[in-house]
Amino acid sequence: MIAVTGPTGNGGLHAHVVDAIGSRIATGALPVGSVLSTELIEQEHGVSRSVVREVLRTLTGLGMVQPRHRIGTTVLPVSSWNLLDARVIAWRAEGPDSRRQLGELLTLREALEPVAARGAATERDVETVQTLREQLSRMEIAFSEGKPHDFATADTAFHEALLRGAHNDALSQLVQTLLATLHVRYAGHRPFSEQTAESLRRHHELVDAVAAEDPAAAEAVSRALVREARAEVLGAADGEERK
């Protein structure tokens, strides 16, 4: 059986141990078929048996492990994981298939975000438009001042407002998944490039389309924006293939 260790976290004992084990599974340090030892987890992390049980229950819920009679809690293949959970996305981003995951998540974003943009333009929500303009202004200031962290934060808030502005309950359940996609994108790639100015222009077009209550234009601009982001992150050739 395999003991597990991980970096110190700030989310409490349960969150820390979940993060430590989940990360090791996602990065392959705990390969498929590994059996997790409750006793060794207790010793390595200094937690109680009840905490370990809750941790394993959480990982079971994520599809990453499964209790097996007379064997123990066993690591499952990636095909069983909840790949849309923000925690799993973050863990996989540190693993060997990080680029593949990013491509898959960008494909999901390309399918969903233009639909959300159309919905936001249909809803006539003044508060959504105001939030979009505020976050876009923060993006522009961060770009002009060379502050990548502030830019990424404002961009993430912009797209969250767009997704929530559609007032679509089904889409709302995927907000954290799509936001995790942005976090992964910024974690592995610098936010500023020669395409940033053009991207900001596209964001302006998107806000204007939503404000004008033009669903078709909002959807079209959003699709172009996501495709351009994909090409920037994964390469121009990949972006062209998807057009």
Protein backbone atom coordinates (compact mmCIF):
# COMPACT_ATOMS: atom_id res chain seq x y z
CA MET A 1 0.00 0.00 0.00
CA ILE A 2 1.05 3.59 -0.65
CA ALA A 3 1.29 6.46 1.78
CA VAL A 4 0.49 9.95 0.55
CA THR A 5 1.89 13.34 1.39
CA GLY A 6 1.18 16.81 0.06
CA PRO A 7 1.92 20.49 0.55
CA THR A 8 0.41 22.37 3.46
CA GLY A 9 -2.91 23.96 2.58
CA ASN A 10 -5.09 26.61 4.17
CA GLY A 11 -8.51 25.04 3.68
CA GLY A 12 -8.61 22.92 6.84
CA LEU A 13 -7.44 19.38 7.44
CA HIS A 14 -10.05 17.78 5.21
CA ALA A 15 -9.42 20.09 2.25
CA HIS A 16 -5.66 19.78 2.68
CA VAL A 17 -5.64 15.99 2.59
CA VAL A 18 -8.15 15.85 -0.28
CA ASP A 19 -5.92 18.22 -2.24
CA ALA A 20 -2.78 16.24 -1.44
CA ILE A 21 -4.18 12.88 -2.49
CA GLY A 22 -6.21 14.20 -5.42
CA SER A 23 -3.16 15.95 -6.80
CA ARG A 24 -1.00 12.85 -6.54
CA ILE A 25 -3.61 10.76 -8.30
CA ALA A 26 -4.07 13.31 -11.09
CA THR A 27 -0.34 13.69 -11.69
CA GLY A 28 0.24 9.93 -11.74
CA ALA A 29 2.22 9.76 -8.52
CA LEU A 30 -0.50 7.39 -7.35
CA PRO A 31 -1.17 5.31 -10.48
CA VAL A 32 -4.32 3.43 -11.37
CA GLY A 33 -4.76 0.39 -9.15
CA SER A 34 -2.87 1.86 -6.18
CA VAL A 35 -4.44 0.97 -2.84
CA LEU A 36 -4.62 3.78 -0.31
CA SER A 37 -3.75 2.89 3.27
CA THR A 38 -5.98 4.57 5.83
CA GLU A 39 -3.36 4.05 8.53
CA LEU A 40 -0.54 5.59 6.50
CA ILE A 41 -2.67 8.59 5.52
CA GLU A 42 -3.38 9.18 9.21
CA GLN A 43 0.32 9.03 10.04
CA GLU A 44 1.56 11.14 7.13
CA HIS A 45 -0.96 13.95 7.63
CA GLY A 46 -1.54 13.75 11.36
CA VAL A 47 -5.29 13.44 10.99
CA SER A 48 -7.91 11.25 12.64
CA ARG A 49 -9.53 8.17 11.19
CA SER A 50 -12.80 10.10 10.77
CA VAL A 51 -11.06 12.78 8.68
CA VAL A 52 -9.50 10.12 6.47
CA ARG A 53 -12.90 8.50 5.96
CA GLU A 54 -14.36 11.84 4.89
CA VAL A 55 -11.43 12.44 2.55
CA LEU A 56 -11.86 9.07 0.87
CA ARG A 57 -15.59 9.67 0.65
CA THR A 58 -14.94 12.96 -1.16
CA LEU A 59 -12.49 11.35 -3.59
CA THR A 60 -14.98 8.53 -4.16
CA GLY A 61 -17.60 11.14 -5.03
CA LEU A 62 -15.16 12.60 -7.58
CA GLY A 63 -14.80 9.15 -9.13
CA MET A 64 -11.07 9.02 -8.43
CA VAL A 65 -11.10 6.10 -6.00
CA GLN A 66 -13.39 3.23 -5.12
CA PRO A 67 -13.62 1.09 -1.97
CA ARG A 68 -13.25 -2.60 -2.85
CA HIS A 69 -14.12 -5.46 -0.55
CA ARG A 70 -11.02 -7.20 0.84
CA ILE A 71 -8.75 -4.96 -1.23
CA GLY A 72 -9.16 -1.42 0.05
CA THR A 73 -9.71 1.98 -1.53
CA THR A 74 -8.27 1.76 -5.03
CA VAL A 75 -7.31 4.48 -7.53
CA LEU A 76 -9.54 4.46 -10.62
CA PRO A 77 -8.67 5.41 -14.23
CA VAL A 78 -9.29 8.94 -15.51
CA SER A 79 -12.35 7.75 -17.44
CA SER A 80 -14.14 7.40 -14.07
CA TRP A 81 -13.25 10.86 -12.73
CA ASN A 82 -15.56 13.87 -12.55
CA LEU A 83 -13.55 15.83 -15.10
CA LEU A 84 -15.79 18.90 -14.83
CA ASP A 85 -15.11 19.43 -11.13
CA ALA A 86 -12.94 22.50 -10.54
CA ARG A 87 -10.68 20.59 -8.13
CA VAL A 88 -10.03 17.81 -10.61
CA ILE A 89 -9.31 20.39 -13.31
CA ALA A 90 -6.75 22.11 -11.08
CA TRP A 91 -5.05 18.82 -10.19
CA ARG A 92 -4.89 17.60 -13.79
CA ALA A 93 -3.38 20.92 -14.83
CA GLU A 94 -0.25 19.90 -12.95
CA GLY A 95 -0.09 16.47 -14.58
CA PRO A 96 1.18 14.97 -17.83
CA ASP A 97 -2.09 15.48 -19.72
CA SER A 98 -2.44 19.17 -18.86
CA ARG A 99 -2.33 20.31 -22.49
CA ARG A 100 -4.91 17.74 -23.55
CA GLN A 101 -7.18 18.83 -20.72
CA LEU A 102 -6.82 22.49 -21.68
CA GLY A 103 -7.78 21.68 -25.26
CA GLU A 104 -10.84 19.74 -24.09
CA LEU A 105 -11.91 22.51 -21.74
CA LEU A 106 -11.50 25.16 -24.43
CA THR A 107 -13.70 23.04 -26.69
CA LEU A 108 -16.32 22.98 -23.93
CA ARG A 109 -16.00 26.72 -23.47
CA GLU A 110 -16.39 27.26 -27.22
CA ALA A 111 -19.61 25.27 -27.16
CA LEU A 112 -21.15 26.94 -24.10
CA GLU A 113 -19.97 30.52 -23.77
CA PRO A 114 -21.47 31.79 -27.06
CA VAL A 115 -24.80 30.32 -25.92
CA ALA A 116 -24.45 32.21 -22.65
CA ALA A 117 -23.64 35.41 -24.54
CA ARG A 118 -26.80 35.00 -26.61
CA GLY A 119 -28.77 34.46 -23.43
CA ALA A 120 -27.25 37.49 -21.72
CA ALA A 121 -28.21 39.68 -24.68
CA THR A 122 -31.75 38.34 -24.53
CA GLU A 123 -32.24 38.88 -20.80
CA ARG A 124 -31.96 42.70 -20.86
CA ASP A 125 -30.16 42.70 -17.52
CA VAL A 126 -28.77 46.18 -16.84
CA GLU A 127 -26.69 44.91 -13.92
CA THR A 128 -24.96 42.35 -16.14
CA VAL A 129 -24.00 45.04 -18.67
CA GLN A 130 -22.70 47.29 -15.89
CA THR A 131 -20.57 44.49 -14.45
CA LEU A 132 -19.19 43.61 -17.87
CA ARG A 133 -18.19 47.23 -18.50
CA GLU A 134 -16.59 47.54 -15.06
CA GLN A 135 -14.51 44.39 -15.48
CA LEU A 136 -13.51 45.33 -19.01
CA SER A 137 -12.32 48.70 -17.72
CA ARG A 138 -10.23 46.91 -15.10
CA MET A 139 -8.77 44.67 -17.79
CA GLU A 140 -7.73 47.71 -19.83
CA ILE A 141 -6.15 49.42 -16.83
CA ALA A 142 -4.27 46.26 -15.88
CA PHE A 143 -3.02 45.88 -19.44
CA SER A 144 -1.86 49.49 -19.67
CA GLU A 145 -0.10 49.21 -16.30
CA GLY A 146 1.43 45.81 -17.03
CA LYS A 147 -0.31 43.97 -14.18
CA PRO A 148 -1.00 40.41 -15.39
CA HIS A 149 -2.56 39.18 -12.14
CA ASP A 150 -5.09 42.03 -12.09
CA PHE A 151 -5.83 41.42 -15.76
CA ALA A 152 -6.50 37.72 -15.20
CA THR A 153 -8.72 38.46 -12.20
CA ALA A 154 -10.80 41.00 -14.13
CA ASP A 155 -11.06 38.76 -17.19
CA THR A 156 -12.29 35.86 -15.05
CA ALA A 157 -14.87 38.13 -13.40
CA PHE A 158 -15.95 39.38 -16.85
CA HIS A 159 -16.68 35.89 -18.12
CA GLU A 160 -18.37 34.87 -14.89
CA ALA A 161 -20.73 37.84 -15.25
CA LEU A 162 -21.43 36.85 -18.85
CA LEU A 163 -22.23 33.25 -17.91
CA ARG A 164 -24.44 34.24 -14.99
CA GLY A 165 -26.09 36.96 -17.09
CA ALA A 166 -27.73 34.30 -19.23
CA HIS A 167 -29.89 33.34 -16.22
CA ASN A 168 -29.78 29.74 -17.37
CA ASP A 169 -29.84 27.24 -14.50
CA ALA A 170 -28.12 24.51 -16.52
CA LEU A 171 -25.31 26.85 -17.58
CA SER A 172 -25.01 28.14 -14.02
CA GLN A 173 -24.05 24.66 -12.86
CA LEU A 174 -21.06 24.80 -15.22
CA VAL A 175 -19.84 28.24 -14.16
CA GLN A 176 -17.14 26.87 -11.87
CA THR A 177 -15.98 24.47 -14.58
CA LEU A 178 -15.61 27.24 -17.14
CA LEU A 179 -13.94 29.56 -14.63
CA ALA A 180 -11.50 26.77 -13.80
CA THR A 181 -10.67 26.70 -17.52
CA LEU A 182 -9.64 30.35 -17.32
CA HIS A 183 -7.58 29.73 -14.19
CA VAL A 184 -5.73 26.90 -15.94
CA ARG A 185 -5.23 29.06 -19.01
CA TYR A 186 -3.64 31.86 -16.99
CA ALA A 187 -1.62 29.52 -14.80
CA GLY A 188 0.20 28.07 -17.79
CA HIS A 189 0.35 31.00 -20.19
CA ARG A 190 1.25 34.66 -19.85
CA PRO A 191 -1.83 36.89 -20.11
CA PHE A 192 -0.25 39.59 -22.26
CA SER A 193 0.73 39.01 -25.88
CA GLU A 194 0.58 40.75 -29.23
CA GLN A 195 -3.06 39.60 -29.42
CA THR A 196 -4.16 41.24 -26.16
CA ALA A 197 -5.17 44.57 -27.70
CA GLU A 198 -7.30 42.76 -30.28
CA SER A 199 -8.84 40.63 -27.55
CA LEU A 200 -9.83 43.75 -25.62
CA ARG A 201 -11.46 45.11 -28.76
CA ARG A 202 -13.45 41.90 -29.06
CA HIS A 203 -14.52 42.21 -25.43
CA HIS A 204 -15.81 45.71 -26.22
CA GLU A 205 -17.80 44.36 -29.15
CA LEU A 206 -19.27 41.68 -26.93
CA VAL A 207 -20.38 44.15 -24.25
CA ASP A 208 -21.88 46.43 -26.89
CA ALA A 209 -23.82 43.52 -28.41
CA VAL A 210 -25.18 42.49 -25.01
CA ALA A 211 -26.09 46.10 -24.19
CA ALA A 212 -27.80 46.48 -27.57
CA GLU A 213 -29.83 43.33 -26.87
CA ASP A 214 -28.50 41.74 -30.06
CA PRO A 215 -28.33 37.98 -29.35
CA ALA A 216 -26.96 36.98 -32.76
CA ALA A 217 -24.14 39.52 -32.60
CA ALA A 218 -23.30 38.61 -29.00
CA GLU A 219 -23.09 34.92 -29.88
CA ALA A 220 -20.93 35.56 -32.95
CA VAL A 221 -18.49 37.83 -31.13
CA SER A 222 -18.23 35.44 -28.20
CA ARG A 223 -17.48 32.53 -30.51
CA ALA A 224 -14.76 34.54 -32.27
CA LEU A 225 -13.29 35.57 -28.92
CA VAL A 226 -13.09 32.00 -27.63
CA ARG A 227 -11.62 30.69 -30.89
CA GLU A 228 -8.97 33.38 -30.85
CA ALA A 229 -8.12 32.53 -27.24
CA ARG A 230 -7.80 28.87 -28.22
CA ALA A 231 -5.47 29.70 -31.09
CA GLU A 232 -3.37 31.92 -28.82
CA VAL A 233 -3.04 29.31 -26.09
CA LEU A 234 -2.73 26.10 -28.08
CA GLY A 235 -1.29 27.41 -31.33
CA ALA A 236 -2.55 28.99 -34.50
CA ALA A 237 -2.71 25.69 -36.36
CA ASP A 238 -5.02 24.17 -33.76
CA GLY A 239 -7.21 27.24 -33.82
CA GLU A 240 -7.51 27.08 -37.60
CA GLU A 241 -8.52 23.44 -37.51
CA ARG A 242 -11.57 24.30 -35.40
CA LYS A 243 -12.92 26.99 -37.71
